[in-house]
Amino acid sequence: MLEHKVSLMPYSSVETIDQVKEIPEGIQMVQAPALWREGIKGKGVTIAVLDTGCDIHHPDLKGQIIGGRNFTTDDNGDPRKITDYNGHGTHVAGTIAARENNQGVVGIAPEAKLLILKVLASDPNQRGSATGRYEWIVNAINYAVKQKVDIISMSLGGPSNHPQLYQAIKNAVNQDILVVCAAGNEGDGNDSTDEFSYPGAYNEVISVGAISLNRQSSHFTNSNKEVDVVAPGEKILSTIPNGKYAYLSGTSMATPHISGALALIKQQSEKEFQRKLTEPELYAQLIKRTIPLGYSKSLEGNGLIYLSVPDLLTRIMQNLKRSSFITGMRIW
């Protein structure tokens, strides 16, 4: 057996609340509502969420989950039980695909479907923590491939490269599945030093760093040459078990923004091109919808995901009209 070295990306809870009714700021920030107005909401896209499970009875997630499987030792290893004893997995699921029900929150891709694969078990020695075996992750990835999902989302990581995990990821990507992973929260605030967490450090995955809602690089986000994009990862509002909501922070929270965004991009691009796009083509469409924020590539990769390309171009032109020569221009 592989060792217990995979865990939740360390994250912080800011506040827990009982009732809300809003589109979270992070989802507005990446311009998801602009695509919703065009009828692009992730319909026909399935996302596998590898995490702590999910509260499938949460009002905002009812009807969004097409199946699930437990790969952990929780509940005596019963593969049918995907109960989330931590809250992390339910929070990630809500950011991706919480439905439009005129209450609670709305996910980036409210018409996408979720396959919940529980790979992190409750840690009896540390409240609020969850750990897992690499073999659980590997088995879940292979299961997701067999289920023909479109996207795999993983807000988890460990310090070591494991060949079996790497092979499973390469196999998924070769099947044209987009694999999205958190970059990690071991950052030291110095972009000249590298911090690696796996699977986020594999070149084949889309590695996601975090920024604040004020578009500042998060102090905890890992910096390295494999970071592809950044997304909101501080004070992110989403679903948690028992029908509640919470603000959480971490690259764990940035990752589902990208997973959900890719569902929208996939639907939009395949409608435009009238065919199924390959993984490299969809990755290119993602990068096409990013904007640099002025940080080093090791911190922000290609920049912030920004889904409304026409609106982005309009804002660039407006800035250019204000000045005939702009050095180091930032949109915001």
C-alpha atoms as a PDB file:
ATOM      1  CA  MET A   1       0.000   0.000   0.000  1.00  0.00           C
ATOM      2  CA  LEU A   2       1.045   3.554  -0.652  1.00  0.00           C
ATOM      3  CA  GLU A   3       1.477   5.760   2.387  1.00  0.00           C
ATOM      4  CA  HIS A   4      -1.051   8.165   3.939  1.00  0.00           C
ATOM      5  CA  LYS A   5       0.476  11.331   2.549  1.00  0.00           C
ATOM      6  CA  VAL A   6      -2.331  12.945   0.609  1.00  0.00           C
ATOM      7  CA  SER A   7      -4.328  15.538   2.495  1.00  0.00           C
ATOM      8  CA  LEU A   8      -6.557  18.551   2.157  1.00  0.00           C
ATOM      9  CA  MET A   9      -4.850  21.687   1.049  1.00  0.00           C
ATOM     10  CA  PRO A  10      -4.633  23.583   4.355  1.00  0.00           C
ATOM     11  CA  TYR A  11      -7.432  26.102   4.367  1.00  0.00           C
ATOM     12  CA  SER A  12      -9.009  28.535   6.765  1.00  0.00           C
ATOM     13  CA  SER A  13     -12.639  29.047   7.683  1.00  0.00           C
ATOM     14  CA  VAL A  14     -13.666  32.664   7.967  1.00  0.00           C
ATOM     15  CA  GLU A  15     -17.360  32.437   8.865  1.00  0.00           C
ATOM     16  CA  THR A  16     -20.258  29.981   8.826  1.00  0.00           C
ATOM     17  CA  ILE A  17     -23.767  31.230   8.063  1.00  0.00           C
ATOM     18  CA  ASP A  18     -27.221  29.657   7.834  1.00  0.00           C
ATOM     19  CA  GLN A  19     -28.830  31.570   4.981  1.00  0.00           C
ATOM     20  CA  VAL A  20     -27.628  33.536   1.971  1.00  0.00           C
ATOM     21  CA  LYS A  21     -28.980  34.563  -1.396  1.00  0.00           C
ATOM     22  CA  GLU A  22     -26.288  35.758  -3.751  1.00  0.00           C
ATOM     23  CA  ILE A  23     -23.901  35.043  -6.567  1.00  0.00           C
ATOM     24  CA  PRO A  24     -20.542  34.757  -4.759  1.00  0.00           C
ATOM     25  CA  GLU A  25     -18.020  37.503  -5.495  1.00  0.00           C
ATOM     26  CA  GLY A  26     -15.445  35.105  -6.913  1.00  0.00           C
ATOM     27  CA  ILE A  27     -17.897  33.830  -9.515  1.00  0.00           C
ATOM     28  CA  GLN A  28     -18.778  37.367 -10.523  1.00  0.00           C
ATOM     29  CA  MET A  29     -15.085  38.246 -10.658  1.00  0.00           C
ATOM     30  CA  VAL A  30     -14.341  35.627 -13.324  1.00  0.00           C
ATOM     31  CA  GLN A  31     -17.335  36.844 -15.341  1.00  0.00           C
ATOM     32  CA  ALA A  32     -19.372  33.635 -15.294  1.00  0.00           C
ATOM     33  CA  PRO A  33     -22.723  35.513 -15.340  1.00  0.00           C
ATOM     34  CA  ALA A  34     -21.806  37.004 -18.719  1.00  0.00           C
ATOM     35  CA  LEU A  35     -21.820  33.497 -20.206  1.00  0.00           C
ATOM     36  CA  TRP A  36     -25.000  32.519 -18.386  1.00  0.00           C
ATOM     37  CA  ARG A  37     -26.772  35.325 -20.237  1.00  0.00           C
ATOM     38  CA  GLU A  38     -25.754  33.579 -23.468  1.00  0.00           C
ATOM     39  CA  GLY A  39     -27.242  30.291 -22.263  1.00  0.00           C
ATOM     40  CA  ILE A  40     -23.819  28.837 -21.402  1.00  0.00           C
ATOM     41  CA  LYS A  41     -24.167  27.190 -17.978  1.00  0.00           C
ATOM     42  CA  GLY A  42     -22.220  23.930 -18.331  1.00  0.00           C
ATOM     43  CA  LYS A  43     -25.016  21.767 -19.694  1.00  0.00           C
ATOM     44  CA  GLY A  44     -23.809  18.361 -20.856  1.00  0.00           C
ATOM     45  CA  VAL A  45     -20.533  18.520 -18.902  1.00  0.00           C
ATOM     46  CA  THR A  46     -19.682  16.104 -16.073  1.00  0.00           C
ATOM     47  CA  ILE A  47     -17.072  16.966 -13.441  1.00  0.00           C
ATOM     48  CA  ALA A  48     -15.574  14.408 -11.065  1.00  0.00           C
ATOM     49  CA  VAL A  49     -14.833  15.955  -7.663  1.00  0.00           C
ATOM     50  CA  LEU A  50     -12.180  14.013  -5.729  1.00  0.00           C
ATOM     51  CA  ASP A  51     -12.447  15.254  -2.157  1.00  0.00           C
ATOM     52  CA  THR A  52     -13.999  14.543   1.265  1.00  0.00           C
ATOM     53  CA  GLY A  53     -17.366  13.562  -0.172  1.00  0.00           C
ATOM     54  CA  CYS A  54     -20.440  15.758  -0.360  1.00  0.00           C
ATOM     55  CA  ASP A  55     -23.714  16.585   1.336  1.00  0.00           C
ATOM     56  CA  ILE A  56     -25.929  15.358  -1.493  1.00  0.00           C
ATOM     57  CA  HIS A  57     -29.029  16.663   0.307  1.00  0.00           C
ATOM     58  CA  HIS A  58     -27.913  20.300   0.396  1.00  0.00           C
ATOM     59  CA  PRO A  59     -30.697  22.381  -1.228  1.00  0.00           C
ATOM     60  CA  ASP A  60     -28.236  24.002  -3.645  1.00  0.00           C
ATOM     61  CA  LEU A  61     -26.849  20.653  -4.813  1.00  0.00           C
ATOM     62  CA  LYS A  62     -30.032  18.612  -5.225  1.00  0.00           C
ATOM     63  CA  GLY A  63     -30.195  17.185  -8.728  1.00  0.00           C
ATOM     64  CA  GLN A  64     -26.616  18.190  -9.514  1.00  0.00           C
ATOM     65  CA  ILE A  65     -25.004  14.907  -8.479  1.00  0.00           C
ATOM     66  CA  ILE A  66     -25.278  12.016 -10.948  1.00  0.00           C
ATOM     67  CA  GLY A  67     -23.411   9.482  -8.826  1.00  0.00           C
ATOM     68  CA  GLY A  68     -20.663   8.877  -6.322  1.00  0.00           C
ATOM     69  CA  ARG A  69     -18.327   6.362  -4.787  1.00  0.00           C
ATOM     70  CA  ASN A  70     -16.372   6.105  -1.564  1.00  0.00           C
ATOM     71  CA  PHE A  71     -12.763   4.973  -1.938  1.00  0.00           C
ATOM     72  CA  THR A  72     -11.852   5.571   1.724  1.00  0.00           C
ATOM     73  CA  THR A  73     -12.185   3.658   4.995  1.00  0.00           C
ATOM     74  CA  ASP A  74     -14.940   5.967   6.276  1.00  0.00           C
ATOM     75  CA  ASP A  75     -18.230   4.173   6.985  1.00  0.00           C
ATOM     76  CA  ASN A  76     -16.368   0.853   7.029  1.00  0.00           C
ATOM     77  CA  GLY A  77     -15.366   1.370   3.433  1.00  0.00           C
ATOM     78  CA  ASP A  78     -18.935   1.196   2.109  1.00  0.00           C
ATOM     79  CA  PRO A  79     -18.526   2.350  -1.520  1.00  0.00           C
ATOM     80  CA  ARG A  80     -22.060   3.766  -1.575  1.00  0.00           C
ATOM     81  CA  LYS A  81     -21.557   6.239   1.274  1.00  0.00           C
ATOM     82  CA  ILE A  82     -20.040   9.575   0.262  1.00  0.00           C
ATOM     83  CA  THR A  83     -20.990  11.503   3.411  1.00  0.00           C
ATOM     84  CA  ASP A  84     -18.869  14.609   3.901  1.00  0.00           C
ATOM     85  CA  TYR A  85     -17.709  14.700   7.534  1.00  0.00           C
ATOM     86  CA  ASN A  86     -15.399  17.641   6.889  1.00  0.00           C
ATOM     87  CA  GLY A  87     -17.219  20.198   4.727  1.00  0.00           C
ATOM     88  CA  HIS A  88     -14.384  20.764   2.274  1.00  0.00           C
ATOM     89  CA  GLY A  89     -15.821  18.603  -0.504  1.00  0.00           C
ATOM     90  CA  THR A  90     -19.294  20.123  -0.237  1.00  0.00           C
ATOM     91  CA  HIS A  91     -17.766  23.602  -0.442  1.00  0.00           C
ATOM     92  CA  VAL A  92     -15.815  22.706  -3.591  1.00  0.00           C
ATOM     93  CA  ALA A  93     -18.900  21.112  -5.178  1.00  0.00           C
ATOM     94  CA  GLY A  94     -20.970  24.243  -4.555  1.00  0.00           C
ATOM     95  CA  THR A  95     -18.454  26.546  -6.198  1.00  0.00           C
ATOM     96  CA  ILE A  96     -18.502  24.346  -9.276  1.00  0.00           C
ATOM     97  CA  ALA A  97     -22.180  23.605  -9.749  1.00  0.00           C
ATOM     98  CA  ALA A  98     -24.583  24.896  -7.078  1.00  0.00           C
ATOM     99  CA  ARG A  99     -27.873  25.212  -8.905  1.00  0.00           C
ATOM    100  CA  GLU A 100     -29.959  28.288  -9.616  1.00  0.00           C
ATOM    101  CA  ASN A 101     -32.828  27.922  -7.165  1.00  0.00           C
ATOM    102  CA  ASN A 102     -33.451  31.513  -6.098  1.00  0.00           C
ATOM    103  CA  GLN A 103     -31.769  30.919  -2.750  1.00  0.00           C
ATOM    104  CA  GLY A 104     -28.341  30.147  -1.345  1.00  0.00           C
ATOM    105  CA  VAL A 105     -25.451  30.454  -3.792  1.00  0.00           C
ATOM    106  CA  VAL A 106     -24.939  29.707  -7.478  1.00  0.00           C
ATOM    107  CA  GLY A 107     -21.961  27.771  -8.836  1.00  0.00           C
ATOM    108  CA  ILE A 108     -19.936  28.778 -11.859  1.00  0.00           C
ATOM    109  CA  ALA A 109     -21.514  26.030 -13.988  1.00  0.00           C
ATOM    110  CA  PRO A 110     -25.039  25.611 -12.540  1.00  0.00           C
ATOM    111  CA  GLU A 111     -26.132  23.159 -15.240  1.00  0.00           C
ATOM    112  CA  ALA A 112     -23.054  20.912 -15.072  1.00  0.00           C
ATOM    113  CA  LYS A 113     -23.310  17.555 -13.316  1.00  0.00           C
ATOM    114  CA  LEU A 114     -21.076  16.205 -10.558  1.00  0.00           C
ATOM    115  CA  LEU A 115     -19.618  12.773  -9.890  1.00  0.00           C
ATOM    116  CA  ILE A 116     -18.599  12.730  -6.220  1.00  0.00           C
ATOM    117  CA  LEU A 117     -15.583  10.522  -5.530  1.00  0.00           C
ATOM    118  CA  LYS A 118     -14.630  10.438  -1.861  1.00  0.00           C
ATOM    119  CA  VAL A 119     -10.856  10.000  -1.507  1.00  0.00           C
ATOM    120  CA  LEU A 120     -10.140  11.771   1.792  1.00  0.00           C
ATOM    121  CA  ALA A 121     -11.224  10.255   5.092  1.00  0.00           C
ATOM    122  CA  SER A 122     -11.826  11.886   8.439  1.00  0.00           C
ATOM    123  CA  ASP A 123      -8.725  12.135  10.605  1.00  0.00           C
ATOM    124  CA  PRO A 124      -9.682  10.958  14.130  1.00  0.00           C
ATOM    125  CA  ASN A 125      -6.555  12.587  15.561  1.00  0.00           C
ATOM    126  CA  GLN A 126      -7.228  16.077  14.266  1.00  0.00           C
ATOM    127  CA  ARG A 127     -10.631  17.747  14.132  1.00  0.00           C
ATOM    128  CA  GLY A 128     -11.441  19.234  10.747  1.00  0.00           C
ATOM    129  CA  SER A 129      -8.633  17.384   9.018  1.00  0.00           C
ATOM    130  CA  ALA A 130      -8.815  14.683   6.354  1.00  0.00           C
ATOM    131  CA  THR A 131      -6.188  12.417   4.838  1.00  0.00           C
ATOM    132  CA  GLY A 132      -6.038   9.774   2.163  1.00  0.00           C
ATOM    133  CA  ARG A 133      -3.889   7.167   0.511  1.00  0.00           C
ATOM    134  CA  TYR A 134      -2.402   7.675  -2.907  1.00  0.00           C
ATOM    135  CA  GLU A 135      -4.025   4.426  -3.994  1.00  0.00           C
ATOM    136  CA  TRP A 136      -7.450   5.898  -3.213  1.00  0.00           C
ATOM    137  CA  ILE A 137      -6.707   8.840  -5.501  1.00  0.00           C
ATOM    138  CA  VAL A 138      -5.383   6.551  -8.239  1.00  0.00           C
ATOM    139  CA  ASN A 139      -8.433   4.287  -8.053  1.00  0.00           C
ATOM    140  CA  ALA A 140     -10.785   7.267  -8.160  1.00  0.00           C
ATOM    141  CA  ILE A 141      -9.062   8.783 -11.192  1.00  0.00           C
ATOM    142  CA  ASN A 142      -9.261   5.467 -13.019  1.00  0.00           C
ATOM    143  CA  TYR A 143     -12.931   5.170 -12.052  1.00  0.00           C
ATOM    144  CA  ALA A 144     -13.624   8.691 -13.354  1.00  0.00           C
ATOM    145  CA  VAL A 145     -11.991   7.793 -16.675  1.00  0.00           C
ATOM    146  CA  LYS A 146     -14.216   4.713 -16.991  1.00  0.00           C
ATOM    147  CA  GLN A 147     -17.251   6.875 -16.273  1.00  0.00           C
ATOM    148  CA  LYS A 148     -16.192   9.139 -19.161  1.00  0.00           C
ATOM    149  CA  VAL A 149     -16.212  12.388 -17.193  1.00  0.00           C
ATOM    150  CA  ASP A 150     -15.091  15.576 -18.899  1.00  0.00           C
ATOM    151  CA  ILE A 151     -13.159  17.183 -16.032  1.00  0.00           C
ATOM    152  CA  ILE A 152     -11.475  15.935 -12.847  1.00  0.00           C
ATOM    153  CA  SER A 153     -11.144  18.437  -9.988  1.00  0.00           C
ATOM    154  CA  MET A 154      -8.709  17.809  -7.109  1.00  0.00           C
ATOM    155  CA  SER A 155      -8.268  20.270  -4.227  1.00  0.00           C
ATOM    156  CA  LEU A 156      -5.743  18.081  -2.427  1.00  0.00           C
ATOM    157  CA  GLY A 157      -2.059  17.291  -2.446  1.00  0.00           C
ATOM    158  CA  GLY A 158       1.002  15.724  -0.962  1.00  0.00           C
ATOM    159  CA  PRO A 159       4.738  16.474  -0.867  1.00  0.00           C
ATOM    160  CA  SER A 160       5.943  13.607  -3.045  1.00  0.00           C
ATOM    161  CA  ASN A 161       5.767  12.465  -6.639  1.00  0.00           C
ATOM    162  CA  HIS A 162       4.166   9.018  -6.906  1.00  0.00           C
ATOM    163  CA  PRO A 163       4.555   7.160 -10.219  1.00  0.00           C
ATOM    164  CA  GLN A 164       1.169   5.414 -10.021  1.00  0.00           C
ATOM    165  CA  LEU A 165      -0.612   8.729  -9.456  1.00  0.00           C
ATOM    166  CA  TYR A 166       1.296  10.335 -12.296  1.00  0.00           C
ATOM    167  CA  GLN A 167       0.444   7.480 -14.657  1.00  0.00           C
ATOM    168  CA  ALA A 168      -3.254   7.660 -13.779  1.00  0.00           C
ATOM    169  CA  ILE A 169      -3.276  11.384 -14.523  1.00  0.00           C
ATOM    170  CA  LYS A 170      -1.482  10.939 -17.839  1.00  0.00           C
ATOM    171  CA  ASN A 171      -3.975   8.268 -18.800  1.00  0.00           C
ATOM    172  CA  ALA A 172      -6.879  10.605 -18.001  1.00  0.00           C
ATOM    173  CA  VAL A 173      -5.377  13.442 -20.033  1.00  0.00           C
ATOM    174  CA  ASN A 174      -4.753  11.052 -22.925  1.00  0.00           C
ATOM    175  CA  GLN A 175      -8.499  10.339 -22.832  1.00  0.00           C
ATOM    176  CA  ASP A 176      -9.087  14.093 -23.323  1.00  0.00           C
ATOM    177  CA  ILE A 177     -10.111  14.656 -19.712  1.00  0.00           C
ATOM    178  CA  LEU A 178      -9.068  17.983 -18.195  1.00  0.00           C
ATOM    179  CA  VAL A 179      -7.398  17.467 -14.810  1.00  0.00           C
ATOM    180  CA  VAL A 180      -7.495  20.522 -12.529  1.00  0.00           C
ATOM    181  CA  CYS A 181      -5.435  20.621  -9.310  1.00  0.00           C
ATOM    182  CA  ALA A 182      -4.680  23.058  -6.507  1.00  0.00           C
ATOM    183  CA  ALA A 183      -1.145  24.455  -6.657  1.00  0.00           C
ATOM    184  CA  GLY A 184      -0.798  24.243  -2.872  1.00  0.00           C
ATOM    185  CA  ASN A 185      -0.723  26.505   0.176  1.00  0.00           C
ATOM    186  CA  GLU A 186       2.908  26.200   1.229  1.00  0.00           C
ATOM    187  CA  GLY A 187       3.871  29.532  -0.320  1.00  0.00           C
ATOM    188  CA  ASP A 188       6.302  31.784   1.517  1.00  0.00           C
ATOM    189  CA  GLY A 189       5.446  35.015  -0.282  1.00  0.00           C
ATOM    190  CA  ASN A 190       8.709  34.888  -2.230  1.00  0.00           C
ATOM    191  CA  ASP A 191       8.190  34.166  -5.930  1.00  0.00           C
ATOM    192  CA  SER A 192      11.879  33.320  -6.387  1.00  0.00           C
ATOM    193  CA  THR A 193      11.488  30.148  -4.302  1.00  0.00           C
ATOM    194  CA  ASP A 194       9.591  27.070  -5.455  1.00  0.00           C
ATOM    195  CA  GLU A 195       7.050  25.079  -3.466  1.00  0.00           C
ATOM    196  CA  PHE A 196       5.699  21.890  -5.024  1.00  0.00           C
ATOM    197  CA  SER A 197       2.644  19.851  -4.124  1.00  0.00           C
ATOM    198  CA  TYR A 198       1.501  16.777  -6.039  1.00  0.00           C
ATOM    199  CA  PRO A 199      -0.490  16.269  -8.214  1.00  0.00           C
ATOM    200  CA  GLY A 200      -0.549  20.054  -8.741  1.00  0.00           C
ATOM    201  CA  ALA A 201       3.117  20.081  -9.771  1.00  0.00           C
ATOM    202  CA  TYR A 202       2.668  17.696 -12.699  1.00  0.00           C
ATOM    203  CA  ASN A 203       2.953  19.403 -16.063  1.00  0.00           C
ATOM    204  CA  GLU A 204      -0.045  17.502 -17.431  1.00  0.00           C
ATOM    205  CA  VAL A 205      -2.521  19.002 -14.959  1.00  0.00           C
ATOM    206  CA  ILE A 206      -3.919  22.522 -14.847  1.00  0.00           C
ATOM    207  CA  SER A 207      -2.340  23.909 -11.695  1.00  0.00           C
ATOM    208  CA  VAL A 208      -4.335  26.656  -9.964  1.00  0.00           C
ATOM    209  CA  GLY A 209      -2.942  29.365  -7.714  1.00  0.00           C
ATOM    210  CA  ALA A 210      -4.974  31.740  -5.550  1.00  0.00           C
ATOM    211  CA  ILE A 211      -5.622  35.464  -5.465  1.00  0.00           C
ATOM    212  CA  SER A 212      -7.779  37.606  -3.205  1.00  0.00           C
ATOM    213  CA  LEU A 213     -11.038  39.244  -4.228  1.00  0.00           C
ATOM    214  CA  ASN A 214      -8.972  42.419  -4.600  1.00  0.00           C
ATOM    215  CA  ARG A 215      -6.822  40.632  -7.218  1.00  0.00           C
ATOM    216  CA  GLN A 216      -3.778  40.452  -4.962  1.00  0.00           C
ATOM    217  CA  SER A 217      -1.643  37.316  -4.999  1.00  0.00           C
ATOM    218  CA  SER A 218      -2.475  35.238  -1.906  1.00  0.00           C
ATOM    219  CA  HIS A 219       0.377  35.050   0.582  1.00  0.00           C
ATOM    220  CA  PHE A 220      -0.055  31.271   0.924  1.00  0.00           C
ATOM    221  CA  THR A 221      -0.187  30.292  -2.757  1.00  0.00           C
ATOM    222  CA  ASN A 222       2.643  28.078  -4.058  1.00  0.00           C
ATOM    223  CA  SER A 223       4.971  29.532  -6.661  1.00  0.00           C
ATOM    224  CA  ASN A 224       6.611  27.359  -9.308  1.00  0.00           C
ATOM    225  CA  LYS A 225       6.952  27.008 -13.065  1.00  0.00           C
ATOM    226  CA  GLU A 226       3.976  24.632 -13.308  1.00  0.00           C
ATOM    227  CA  VAL A 227       1.338  27.140 -12.159  1.00  0.00           C
ATOM    228  CA  ASP A 228      -1.034  27.651 -15.100  1.00  0.00           C
ATOM    229  CA  VAL A 229      -3.673  30.116 -13.911  1.00  0.00           C
ATOM    230  CA  VAL A 230      -5.023  31.838 -10.823  1.00  0.00           C
ATOM    231  CA  ALA A 231      -8.551  32.243  -9.493  1.00  0.00           C
ATOM    232  CA  PRO A 232     -10.238  33.686  -6.402  1.00  0.00           C
ATOM    233  CA  GLY A 233      -9.174  31.731  -3.317  1.00  0.00           C
ATOM    234  CA  GLU A 234      -9.779  33.983  -0.311  1.00  0.00           C
ATOM    235  CA  LYS A 235     -13.045  34.361   1.616  1.00  0.00           C
ATOM    236  CA  ILE A 236     -14.926  32.234  -0.901  1.00  0.00           C
ATOM    237  CA  LEU A 237     -18.598  31.677  -0.100  1.00  0.00           C
ATOM    238  CA  SER A 238     -20.071  28.261  -0.865  1.00  0.00           C
ATOM    239  CA  THR A 239     -22.070  25.326   0.450  1.00  0.00           C
ATOM    240  CA  ILE A 240     -21.197  23.187   3.475  1.00  0.00           C
ATOM    241  CA  PRO A 241     -23.084  20.235   5.032  1.00  0.00           C
ATOM    242  CA  ASN A 242     -26.450  20.508   6.778  1.00  0.00           C
ATOM    243  CA  GLY A 243     -27.759  23.094   4.361  1.00  0.00           C
ATOM    244  CA  LYS A 244     -25.361  25.783   5.525  1.00  0.00           C
ATOM    245  CA  TYR A 245     -22.738  28.052   3.947  1.00  0.00           C
ATOM    246  CA  ALA A 246     -19.243  29.205   4.790  1.00  0.00           C
ATOM    247  CA  TYR A 247     -16.445  31.472   3.673  1.00  0.00           C
ATOM    248  CA  LEU A 248     -13.246  29.442   3.193  1.00  0.00           C
ATOM    249  CA  SER A 249      -9.789  30.359   1.906  1.00  0.00           C
ATOM    250  CA  GLY A 250      -7.068  28.360   0.130  1.00  0.00           C
ATOM    251  CA  THR A 251      -5.964  27.182  -3.296  1.00  0.00           C
ATOM    252  CA  SER A 252      -8.577  24.482  -2.635  1.00  0.00           C
ATOM    253  CA  MET A 253     -11.162  27.204  -3.178  1.00  0.00           C
ATOM    254  CA  ALA A 254      -9.482  28.613  -6.299  1.00  0.00           C
ATOM    255  CA  THR A 255      -9.419  25.224  -8.020  1.00  0.00           C
ATOM    256  CA  PRO A 256     -13.192  24.704  -8.410  1.00  0.00           C
ATOM    257  CA  HIS A 257     -13.462  28.137 -10.010  1.00  0.00           C
ATOM    258  CA  ILE A 258     -11.311  26.793 -12.840  1.00  0.00           C
ATOM    259  CA  SER A 259     -13.081  23.425 -12.980  1.00  0.00           C
ATOM    260  CA  GLY A 260     -16.438  25.180 -13.320  1.00  0.00           C
ATOM    261  CA  ALA A 261     -15.059  27.702 -15.796  1.00  0.00           C
ATOM    262  CA  LEU A 262     -13.795  24.870 -17.983  1.00  0.00           C
ATOM    263  CA  ALA A 263     -17.315  23.416 -18.085  1.00  0.00           C
ATOM    264  CA  LEU A 264     -18.546  26.721 -19.511  1.00  0.00           C
ATOM    265  CA  ILE A 265     -15.615  26.963 -21.906  1.00  0.00           C
ATOM    266  CA  LYS A 266     -16.202  23.418 -23.127  1.00  0.00           C
ATOM    267  CA  GLN A 267     -19.883  24.028 -23.808  1.00  0.00           C
ATOM    268  CA  GLN A 268     -19.228  27.389 -25.465  1.00  0.00           C
ATOM    269  CA  SER A 269     -16.280  26.231 -27.594  1.00  0.00           C
ATOM    270  CA  GLU A 270     -17.903  23.032 -28.817  1.00  0.00           C
ATOM    271  CA  LYS A 271     -21.005  24.981 -29.754  1.00  0.00           C
ATOM    272  CA  GLU A 272     -18.816  27.379 -31.721  1.00  0.00           C
ATOM    273  CA  PHE A 273     -16.640  24.742 -33.434  1.00  0.00           C
ATOM    274  CA  GLN A 274     -19.455  22.204 -33.845  1.00  0.00           C
ATOM    275  CA  ARG A 275     -17.303  19.320 -32.662  1.00  0.00           C
ATOM    276  CA  LYS A 276     -15.770  17.788 -29.557  1.00  0.00           C
ATOM    277  CA  LEU A 277     -12.489  19.492 -28.633  1.00  0.00           C
ATOM    278  CA  THR A 278      -9.376  17.680 -27.435  1.00  0.00           C
ATOM    279  CA  GLU A 279      -7.782  18.314 -24.059  1.00  0.00           C
ATOM    280  CA  PRO A 280      -4.990  20.487 -25.566  1.00  0.00           C
ATOM    281  CA  GLU A 281      -7.564  22.496 -27.521  1.00  0.00           C
ATOM    282  CA  LEU A 282      -9.668  23.119 -24.422  1.00  0.00           C
ATOM    283  CA  TYR A 283      -6.557  24.094 -22.484  1.00  0.00           C
ATOM    284  CA  ALA A 284      -5.774  26.624 -25.215  1.00  0.00           C
ATOM    285  CA  GLN A 285      -9.297  28.017 -24.934  1.00  0.00           C
ATOM    286  CA  LEU A 286      -8.769  28.418 -21.175  1.00  0.00           C
ATOM    287  CA  ILE A 287      -5.495  30.294 -21.616  1.00  0.00           C
ATOM    288  CA  LYS A 288      -7.133  32.479 -24.259  1.00  0.00           C
ATOM    289  CA  ARG A 289      -9.459  33.657 -21.497  1.00  0.00           C
ATOM    290  CA  THR A 290      -6.839  34.847 -19.018  1.00  0.00           C
ATOM    291  CA  ILE A 291      -5.394  38.226 -18.217  1.00  0.00           C
ATOM    292  CA  PRO A 292      -2.034  38.913 -16.508  1.00  0.00           C
ATOM    293  CA  LEU A 293      -2.178  40.687 -13.168  1.00  0.00           C
ATOM    294  CA  GLY A 294       1.426  41.856 -13.086  1.00  0.00           C
ATOM    295  CA  TYR A 295       2.923  39.118 -10.918  1.00  0.00           C
ATOM    296  CA  SER A 296       5.665  36.708 -11.928  1.00  0.00           C
ATOM    297  CA  LYS A 297       4.683  33.643 -13.956  1.00  0.00           C
ATOM    298  CA  SER A 298       5.695  31.421 -11.054  1.00  0.00           C
ATOM    299  CA  LEU A 299       2.893  33.023  -9.024  1.00  0.00           C
ATOM    300  CA  GLU A 300       0.167  33.625 -11.577  1.00  0.00           C
ATOM    301  CA  GLY A 301       1.027  31.458 -14.577  1.00  0.00           C
ATOM    302  CA  ASN A 302      -0.945  32.933 -17.473  1.00  0.00           C
ATOM    303  CA  GLY A 303      -3.045  35.081 -15.161  1.00  0.00           C
ATOM    304  CA  LEU A 304      -6.608  35.385 -13.906  1.00  0.00           C
ATOM    305  CA  ILE A 305      -9.370  33.472 -15.673  1.00  0.00           C
ATOM    306  CA  TYR A 306     -11.739  35.990 -17.282  1.00  0.00           C
ATOM    307  CA  LEU A 307     -14.582  34.344 -19.145  1.00  0.00           C
ATOM    308  CA  SER A 308     -16.111  37.298 -20.963  1.00  0.00           C
ATOM    309  CA  VAL A 309     -13.575  37.843 -23.739  1.00  0.00           C
ATOM    310  CA  PRO A 310     -15.527  40.534 -25.642  1.00  0.00           C
ATOM    311  CA  ASP A 311     -15.982  42.531 -22.430  1.00  0.00           C
ATOM    312  CA  LEU A 312     -12.283  42.114 -21.668  1.00  0.00           C
ATOM    313  CA  LEU A 313     -11.284  43.475 -25.073  1.00  0.00           C
ATOM    314  CA  THR A 314     -13.638  46.421 -24.643  1.00  0.00           C
ATOM    315  CA  ARG A 315     -12.059  47.326 -21.312  1.00  0.00           C
ATOM    316  CA  ILE A 316      -8.563  47.079 -22.781  1.00  0.00           C
ATOM    317  CA  MET A 317      -9.536  49.451 -25.607  1.00  0.00           C
ATOM    318  CA  GLN A 318     -11.071  51.881 -23.139  1.00  0.00           C
ATOM    319  CA  ASN A 319      -7.825  51.931 -21.191  1.00  0.00           C
ATOM    320  CA  LEU A 320      -5.789  52.434 -24.354  1.00  0.00           C
ATOM    321  CA  LYS A 321      -7.945  55.395 -25.407  1.00  0.00           C
ATOM    322  CA  ARG A 322      -7.174  57.120 -22.121  1.00  0.00           C
ATOM    323  CA  SER A 323      -3.455  57.064 -22.816  1.00  0.00           C
ATOM    324  CA  SER A 324      -1.381  56.822 -25.986  1.00  0.00           C
ATOM    325  CA  PHE A 325       1.396  55.073 -24.051  1.00  0.00           C
ATOM    326  CA  ILE A 326       0.837  52.795 -21.088  1.00  0.00           C
ATOM    327  CA  THR A 327       3.626  50.902 -19.382  1.00  0.00           C
ATOM    328  CA  GLY A 328       2.855  47.788 -17.369  1.00  0.00           C
ATOM    329  CA  MET A 329      -0.869  48.344 -17.739  1.00  0.00           C
ATOM    330  CA  ARG A 330      -3.250  46.531 -15.432  1.00  0.00           C
ATOM    331  CA  ILE A 331      -6.931  46.351 -16.257  1.00  0.00           C
ATOM    332  CA  TRP A 332      -7.927  46.777 -12.584  1.00  0.00           C
END
